[in-house]
Protein backbone atom coordinates (compact mmCIF):
# COMPACT_ATOMS: atom_id res chain seq x y z
CA MET A 1 32.62 12.51 65.25
CA GLN A 2 30.85 15.65 64.17
CA ALA A 3 29.70 16.24 67.69
CA ASN A 4 33.27 16.18 68.97
CA ASN A 5 34.41 18.63 66.29
CA LEU A 6 31.63 21.02 67.22
CA LYS A 7 32.66 20.86 70.88
CA LEU A 8 36.32 21.67 70.04
CA THR A 9 35.25 24.53 67.81
CA ALA A 10 33.05 25.95 70.54
CA LEU A 11 35.90 25.75 73.13
CA LEU A 12 38.32 27.46 70.72
CA VAL A 13 35.90 30.32 70.11
CA VAL A 14 35.35 30.81 73.87
CA PHE A 15 39.18 30.81 74.52
CA LEU A 16 39.81 33.39 71.81
CA CYS A 17 37.10 35.66 73.15
CA PHE A 18 38.48 35.43 76.70
CA ALA A 19 42.07 36.13 75.52
CA ARG A 20 40.90 39.16 73.53
CA VAL A 21 39.14 40.63 76.54
CA ASN A 22 42.20 40.29 78.89
CA ALA A 23 44.95 41.17 76.34
CA GLN A 24 47.03 44.49 76.61
CA ASP A 25 47.62 46.91 73.76
CA SER A 26 51.35 46.96 72.69
CA ILE A 27 51.22 50.56 71.41
CA PRO A 28 52.56 52.93 74.16
CA GLU A 29 50.62 55.91 75.25
CA PRO A 30 51.77 59.29 73.82
CA GLN A 31 54.48 61.04 75.95
CA LYS A 32 54.89 64.73 76.69
CA ILE A 33 57.38 66.36 74.30
CA ASP A 34 60.54 67.88 75.93
CA SER A 35 60.54 71.69 75.66
CA ILE A 36 64.37 71.97 75.47
CA ALA A 37 65.51 72.82 71.96
CA ILE A 38 68.44 70.80 70.60
CA ASP A 39 70.66 72.87 68.31
CA THR A 40 73.65 70.52 68.09
CA ILE A 41 74.10 68.38 65.05
CA VAL A 42 76.68 65.59 65.08
CA ILE A 43 78.29 64.86 61.75
CA ARG A 44 80.55 61.85 61.58
CA SER A 45 83.55 62.15 59.31
CA PHE A 46 85.24 59.01 58.10
CA GLN A 47 89.00 58.95 57.42
CA ASP A 48 90.00 58.27 53.86
CA ARG A 49 91.68 54.97 53.30
CA ILE A 50 95.33 55.02 52.35
CA LYS A 51 95.46 53.96 48.74
CA ASN A 52 99.23 54.03 48.09
CA ILE A 53 101.56 52.70 50.80
CA PRO A 54 105.25 53.72 50.36
CA ARG A 55 107.78 50.94 49.99
CA GLY A 56 109.83 52.12 52.97
CA ALA A 57 106.85 52.06 55.33
CA ASN A 58 107.30 49.56 58.12
CA LEU A 59 103.79 48.87 59.31
CA THR A 60 104.72 46.05 61.67
CA ASN A 61 107.55 47.86 63.54
CA PRO A 62 107.25 51.68 63.11
CA VAL A 63 110.38 53.75 64.00
CA ILE A 64 110.30 57.47 64.94
CA SER A 65 113.23 59.52 63.55
CA PHE A 66 114.43 62.87 64.93
CA LYS A 67 116.91 63.59 62.12
CA ARG A 68 114.83 66.43 60.73
CA THR A 69 114.05 68.05 64.09
CA LYS A 70 115.74 71.33 65.08
CA PRO A 71 116.75 72.56 68.57
CA LEU A 72 114.89 75.40 70.27
CA LYS A 73 116.25 78.85 69.48
CA ASN A 74 115.49 80.21 72.94
CA LYS A 75 116.29 78.54 76.22
CA TYR A 76 113.37 76.70 77.74
CA ASN A 77 112.08 78.54 80.78
CA ARG A 78 110.90 76.30 83.54
CA PHE A 79 107.93 77.28 85.63
CA LYS A 80 108.91 79.46 88.56
CA ILE A 81 106.88 80.15 91.65
CA PRO A 82 105.70 83.80 91.48
CA SER A 83 107.64 86.09 93.79
CA PHE A 84 106.78 89.48 95.25
CA TRP A 85 110.42 90.55 94.87
CA ASP A 86 111.71 92.35 91.78
CA ASN A 87 115.50 92.04 91.47
CA GLU A 88 118.02 93.79 89.23
CA ASN A 89 121.78 93.16 89.09
CA LYS A 90 123.87 95.14 86.62
CA ILE A 91 127.65 95.44 86.25
CA GLY A 92 129.33 97.57 83.59
CA PHE A 93 132.69 98.87 82.47
CA ASN A 94 133.38 101.86 80.19
CA PHE A 95 136.73 102.24 78.45
CA SER A 96 138.36 104.89 76.29
CA GLU A 97 141.88 105.21 74.87
CA VAL A 98 143.86 107.65 72.75
CA ALA A 99 147.30 106.88 71.28
CA PHE A 100 149.60 109.05 69.10
CA ILE A 101 152.65 108.10 67.06
CA ASN A 102 154.45 110.89 65.15
CA TRP A 103 151.24 112.91 65.28
CA ASN A 104 151.87 116.31 63.76
CA ALA A 105 148.89 117.98 65.48
CA GLY A 106 150.25 117.00 68.89
CA GLY A 107 148.56 115.34 71.82
CA ASN A 108 149.20 113.07 74.80
CA ASN A 109 148.51 109.36 75.03
CA SER A 110 145.76 108.62 77.53
CA ILE A 111 143.64 105.79 78.79
CA ALA A 112 140.51 105.95 80.95
CA GLY A 113 138.21 103.41 82.49
CA ALA A 114 135.19 103.48 84.74
CA ALA A 115 133.41 100.61 86.49
CA ASN A 116 129.84 100.75 87.72
CA ALA A 117 127.39 98.43 89.43
CA LYS A 118 123.74 98.67 90.36
CA PHE A 119 121.71 96.35 92.57
CA VAL A 120 117.96 96.72 93.06
CA ARG A 121 115.68 94.80 95.44
CA ASN A 122 112.02 95.84 95.35
CA TYR A 123 109.17 94.18 97.25
CA LYS A 124 105.49 94.79 96.54
CA PHE A 125 102.41 93.00 97.84
CA ARG A 126 98.97 94.60 98.19
CA TYR A 127 99.39 97.47 100.68
CA VAL A 128 103.16 97.31 101.19
CA GLN A 129 106.00 98.44 98.91
CA TRP A 130 109.68 98.40 99.85
CA ASN A 131 112.30 99.70 97.37
CA ASN A 132 116.06 99.27 97.87
CA ASP A 133 118.71 100.60 95.50
CA LEU A 134 122.53 100.39 95.75
CA GLU A 135 124.72 102.09 93.13
CA VAL A 136 128.51 102.33 93.01
CA ARG A 137 130.77 103.95 90.38
CA TYR A 138 134.51 104.49 90.18
CA GLY A 139 136.70 105.74 87.33
CA LEU A 140 140.36 106.60 86.68
CA ASN A 141 142.25 108.42 83.94
CA ALA A 142 145.92 107.96 83.08
CA GLN A 143 147.57 110.45 80.74
CA GLU A 144 151.14 110.66 79.49
CA ASP A 145 153.40 112.85 81.65
CA ARG A 146 150.69 113.24 84.29
CA GLU A 147 149.74 111.46 87.51
CA LEU A 148 146.75 109.13 87.77
CA ARG A 149 143.53 111.07 88.30
CA LYS A 150 140.08 110.15 89.51
CA THR A 151 137.15 110.78 87.19
CA GLU A 152 134.24 109.08 89.01
CA ASP A 153 133.62 108.13 92.64
CA VAL A 154 130.14 107.38 93.98
CA ILE A 155 128.59 105.19 96.69
CA ARG A 156 124.83 105.70 96.94
CA PHE A 157 122.20 103.70 98.83
CA SER A 158 118.47 104.40 99.03
CA SER A 159 115.65 102.59 100.82
CA THR A 160 111.96 103.54 100.89
CA PHE A 161 109.23 101.71 102.79
CA GLY A 162 105.64 102.59 101.88
CA TYR A 163 102.17 101.58 103.10
CA ARG A 164 98.85 102.45 101.46
CA LYS A 165 95.32 102.14 102.82
CA ASP A 166 93.89 100.25 99.81
CA THR A 167 94.99 98.71 96.51
CA ILE A 168 93.41 101.44 94.36
CA THR A 169 95.36 104.51 95.45
CA ASN A 170 98.92 105.23 94.26
CA TRP A 171 99.80 107.32 97.35
CA TYR A 172 101.80 105.68 100.14
CA TYR A 173 102.71 106.70 103.67
CA SER A 174 106.49 106.41 103.44
CA VAL A 175 109.70 106.32 105.44
CA LYS A 176 112.87 106.96 103.47
CA THR A 177 116.62 106.81 104.08
CA ASN A 178 119.40 107.92 101.72
CA PHE A 179 123.13 107.56 102.16
CA ASN A 180 125.98 108.58 99.86
CA THR A 181 129.73 109.03 100.08
CA GLN A 182 132.87 108.15 98.06
CA PHE A 183 135.63 105.51 97.97
CA SER A 184 138.94 107.39 97.91
CA ASN A 185 140.56 110.79 98.34
CA GLY A 186 139.65 113.65 96.07
CA TYR A 187 142.12 116.37 95.08
CA LYS A 188 142.09 119.76 93.45
CA TYR A 189 144.45 118.85 90.65
CA PRO A 190 147.33 119.32 90.04
CA ASP A 191 147.77 119.38 93.84
CA THR A 192 147.80 115.73 94.97
CA GLU A 193 149.20 116.30 98.45
CA THR A 194 146.22 117.85 100.21
CA PRO A 195 142.91 115.97 99.88
CA ILE A 196 139.74 118.03 99.67
CA SER A 197 137.50 115.01 100.32
CA THR A 198 137.87 111.41 101.51
CA PHE A 199 135.75 108.40 102.42
CA MET A 200 132.98 109.63 104.77
CA ALA A 201 134.22 113.18 104.38
CA PRO A 202 131.72 114.05 103.34
CA GLY A 203 129.11 111.38 103.98
CA TYR A 204 125.42 112.31 103.80
CA LEU A 205 122.58 110.53 105.57
CA PHE A 206 118.91 111.50 105.08
CA LEU A 207 116.20 110.00 107.28
CA GLY A 208 112.60 111.17 107.20
CA ALA A 209 108.91 110.41 106.81
CA GLY A 210 106.36 111.64 104.32
CA THR A 211 104.32 110.44 101.38
CA SER A 212 105.19 108.82 98.05
CA TYR A 213 103.38 108.75 94.72
CA ILE A 214 104.15 105.47 92.91
CA PRO A 215 101.86 104.81 89.90
CA GLU A 216 101.15 101.20 89.00
CA GLY A 217 103.28 99.70 86.24
CA LYS A 218 105.59 102.72 85.90
CA LYS A 219 109.12 103.21 87.20
CA PHE A 220 108.24 106.55 88.76
CA ASN A 221 108.62 107.57 92.39
CA LEU A 222 107.86 111.01 93.85
CA TYR A 223 108.68 111.39 97.55
CA ILE A 224 107.66 114.42 99.64
CA SER A 225 108.84 114.69 103.24
CA PRO A 226 108.13 117.71 105.46
CA ILE A 227 110.28 116.20 108.23
CA THR A 228 113.73 114.96 107.19
CA GLN A 229 116.90 114.94 109.21
CA LYS A 230 120.14 115.43 107.27
CA ALA A 231 123.43 114.39 108.83
CA THR A 232 126.71 115.48 107.21
CA PHE A 233 129.69 113.39 108.34
CA VAL A 234 133.28 114.66 108.07
CA LEU A 235 135.35 111.90 109.67
CA ASP A 236 138.67 113.24 108.36
CA GLN A 237 139.87 115.42 111.24
CA ASP A 238 141.95 117.76 109.08
CA LEU A 239 138.93 118.57 106.95
CA ALA A 240 136.77 118.86 110.07
CA ASN A 241 139.22 121.32 111.62
CA ASN A 242 138.96 123.44 108.48
CA GLY A 243 135.16 123.48 108.78
CA SER A 244 134.64 121.70 105.45
CA PHE A 245 131.11 120.81 104.27
CA GLY A 246 129.41 122.93 106.93
CA VAL A 247 130.73 121.35 110.14
CA LYS A 248 131.91 123.55 113.01
CA LYS A 249 135.61 124.29 112.49
CA ALA A 250 138.33 123.95 115.12
CA VAL A 251 139.03 126.70 117.66
CA LYS A 252 142.61 127.96 117.43
CA ASP A 253 144.68 130.34 119.51
CA ALA A 254 146.63 133.35 118.21
CA ASP A 255 149.54 131.13 117.20
CA GLY A 256 147.34 128.77 115.22
CA ALA A 257 147.42 125.93 117.75
CA ILE A 258 144.18 123.96 118.01
CA ILE A 259 142.37 124.48 121.30
CA GLU A 260 139.23 122.54 120.38
CA GLU A 261 138.95 120.04 117.53
CA GLY A 262 136.43 120.61 114.80
CA GLU A 263 133.15 118.70 114.91
CA ASN A 264 132.70 115.61 112.73
CA VAL A 265 128.91 115.74 112.32
CA PHE A 266 126.62 118.54 111.19
CA MET A 267 122.88 117.98 111.81
CA GLU A 268 120.03 119.67 109.94
CA LEU A 269 116.23 119.34 109.94
CA GLY A 270 114.32 120.32 106.86
CA PHE A 271 112.06 119.63 103.89
CA LEU A 272 113.01 117.02 101.25
CA ILE A 273 111.64 116.22 97.79
CA THR A 274 113.08 113.42 95.68
CA ASN A 275 112.01 112.01 92.33
CA THR A 276 113.25 109.08 90.27
CA TRP A 277 111.95 108.18 86.83
CA GLU A 278 113.05 105.51 84.39
CA LYS A 279 111.49 105.36 80.93
CA GLU A 280 112.27 104.01 77.46
CA ILE A 281 111.77 107.17 75.40
CA MET A 282 112.41 105.34 72.12
CA THR A 283 113.60 101.94 70.96
CA ASN A 284 116.79 100.94 72.86
CA VAL A 285 117.09 104.41 74.45
CA LEU A 286 116.50 104.39 78.22
CA MET A 287 116.28 107.58 80.29
CA ASN A 288 117.20 107.65 84.00
CA HIS A 289 116.27 110.74 85.98
CA ARG A 290 117.03 111.41 89.65
CA ILE A 291 116.67 114.67 91.59
CA SER A 292 116.89 115.65 95.25
CA LEU A 293 115.83 119.02 96.69
CA TYR A 294 116.46 119.87 100.35
CA THR A 295 116.13 122.99 102.48
CA ASP A 296 116.92 123.36 106.16
CA TYR A 297 114.35 124.86 108.58
CA LEU A 298 116.76 126.04 111.27
CA ASN A 299 119.90 127.49 109.66
CA SER A 300 119.15 128.56 106.10
CA PHE A 301 115.51 128.04 105.16
CA GLY A 302 115.00 128.89 101.51
CA ASN A 303 118.51 127.89 100.41
CA ILE A 304 117.86 124.71 98.42
CA ASP A 305 120.49 122.00 98.06
CA VAL A 306 120.15 120.48 94.59
CA ASP A 307 121.43 117.14 93.33
CA TRP A 308 120.13 116.37 89.82
CA GLU A 309 121.33 113.53 87.62
CA LEU A 310 120.11 112.73 84.09
CA ASN A 311 121.44 109.79 82.06
CA PHE A 312 120.60 108.27 78.68
CA ASN A 313 121.58 104.66 78.04
CA LEU A 314 121.76 103.69 74.36
CA LYS A 315 121.63 99.92 73.94
CA VAL A 316 123.60 98.53 70.99
CA ASN A 317 122.96 94.87 71.84
CA LYS A 318 122.63 92.68 74.92
CA TYR A 319 126.10 93.52 76.24
CA ILE A 320 127.31 96.73 74.56
CA THR A 321 125.82 100.07 75.65
CA SER A 322 126.59 103.74 75.35
CA ASN A 323 125.96 106.25 78.11
CA ILE A 324 125.44 110.02 77.97
CA GLY A 325 124.80 111.83 81.23
CA THR A 326 125.03 114.99 83.27
CA GLN A 327 124.96 115.83 86.97
CA VAL A 328 124.36 119.19 88.64
CA ILE A 329 125.04 119.79 92.35
CA PHE A 330 124.53 122.92 94.42
CA ASP A 331 125.14 122.80 98.17
CA ASN A 332 125.21 125.98 100.24
CA ASP A 333 127.66 124.34 102.67
CA ILE A 334 130.32 123.56 100.03
CA LEU A 335 132.41 126.68 99.45
CA PHE A 336 134.91 127.52 96.71
CA ASP A 337 137.61 130.18 96.21
CA GLU A 338 138.74 130.50 99.81
CA VAL A 339 141.05 133.51 100.26
CA VAL A 340 144.07 133.24 102.62
CA ASP A 341 146.51 136.12 103.24
CA ASP A 342 150.28 135.84 103.54
CA ALA A 343 150.03 135.24 107.29
CA GLY A 344 147.81 132.20 106.73
CA VAL A 345 144.67 133.89 107.97
CA VAL A 346 141.46 133.14 106.06
CA THR A 347 140.07 136.46 104.90
CA SER A 348 137.19 135.00 102.90
CA LYS A 349 135.54 131.64 103.43
CA GLY A 350 134.52 131.46 99.78
CA VAL A 351 131.17 131.16 98.07
CA PRO A 352 128.98 128.22 97.01
CA LYS A 353 129.01 127.43 93.29
CA ILE A 354 127.14 125.19 90.87
CA GLN A 355 128.99 121.93 90.30
CA PHE A 356 128.54 120.37 86.86
CA LYS A 357 129.68 117.03 85.46
CA GLN A 358 129.21 115.55 81.99
CA ILE A 359 130.01 111.98 80.97
CA LEU A 360 130.11 110.10 77.68
CA GLY A 361 131.16 106.48 77.49
CA ILE A 362 130.83 103.25 75.57
CA GLY A 363 131.29 99.98 77.38
CA ILE A 364 130.13 96.53 78.32
CA THR A 365 127.16 95.82 80.60
CA TYR A 366 126.18 92.48 82.08
CA ASP A 367 122.82 91.79 83.69
CA PHE A 368 122.24 88.80 85.95
């Protein structure tokens, strides 16, 4: 029995020695430490448990109430696809009235109104800029014991196309056209029988090429054109026969009969400078400036035709505005104080004079 135990003990010792020799160490070999520094620390925050549950809380079927919500003050603006067009539509009406009843200081009842509209379409993308502007104004005045009189009458259209060589410069190679005339007859009051101007008499058309300075983000435009053709239209034949606004007058015989009708178009070629500037000089006070300077190369170089308009718009609120403005015009072809003798012969054609207009009005303006 002892012999068998010794044999088992010997076999067990041999097995353990063999297993120890072929066994693997469970401790891993040391690894290379990552050189990237970790500077982020994650801190977990646990939400506090609700200790007191209100009686009215419905945990099984929660209901959302909008009773305490308020509507938006401003209209929600939906996303619009960006456009390269900048549009402006403005319609306004100015009104003034004076009434007297048993007024010791005297005076006549009167009422006046003037309507105006302005439409702007401007396109700008990289090297190209195209500005279009249409403005119309018309006003009337009615006074007690006096006929209806015109106070304002303007149709003006302007279009300028410009191209620049890069997106850094503010100078453009430009082509510009201007057109302006009036709606109805104009009279030298109190004479309302003989018109001194009508629709397209005169009508002015400017067409030329030059350069424009249009700074980015500012409503400023300076246009310089060394080559501009000016066409003066006098489509009323009576005015054309009289040689009004510079056109060639009719040829008459000794008895005053017309041999050759007066011309309806007077062409000039000259130098043109125009400038428009719109700026908010203070809160709710907007300044609009427009000037045009033109001189003719062929007939009267050095005589400058001036058309300068300056307006201040005072904004009371979104719809009510006040307007203060002036306009100065000097045209060497528009003559005043014509002298005619008793026989009907013109002894003096007259002289050019400075024309001045001042306006003040309060009215309603609507933008759309």
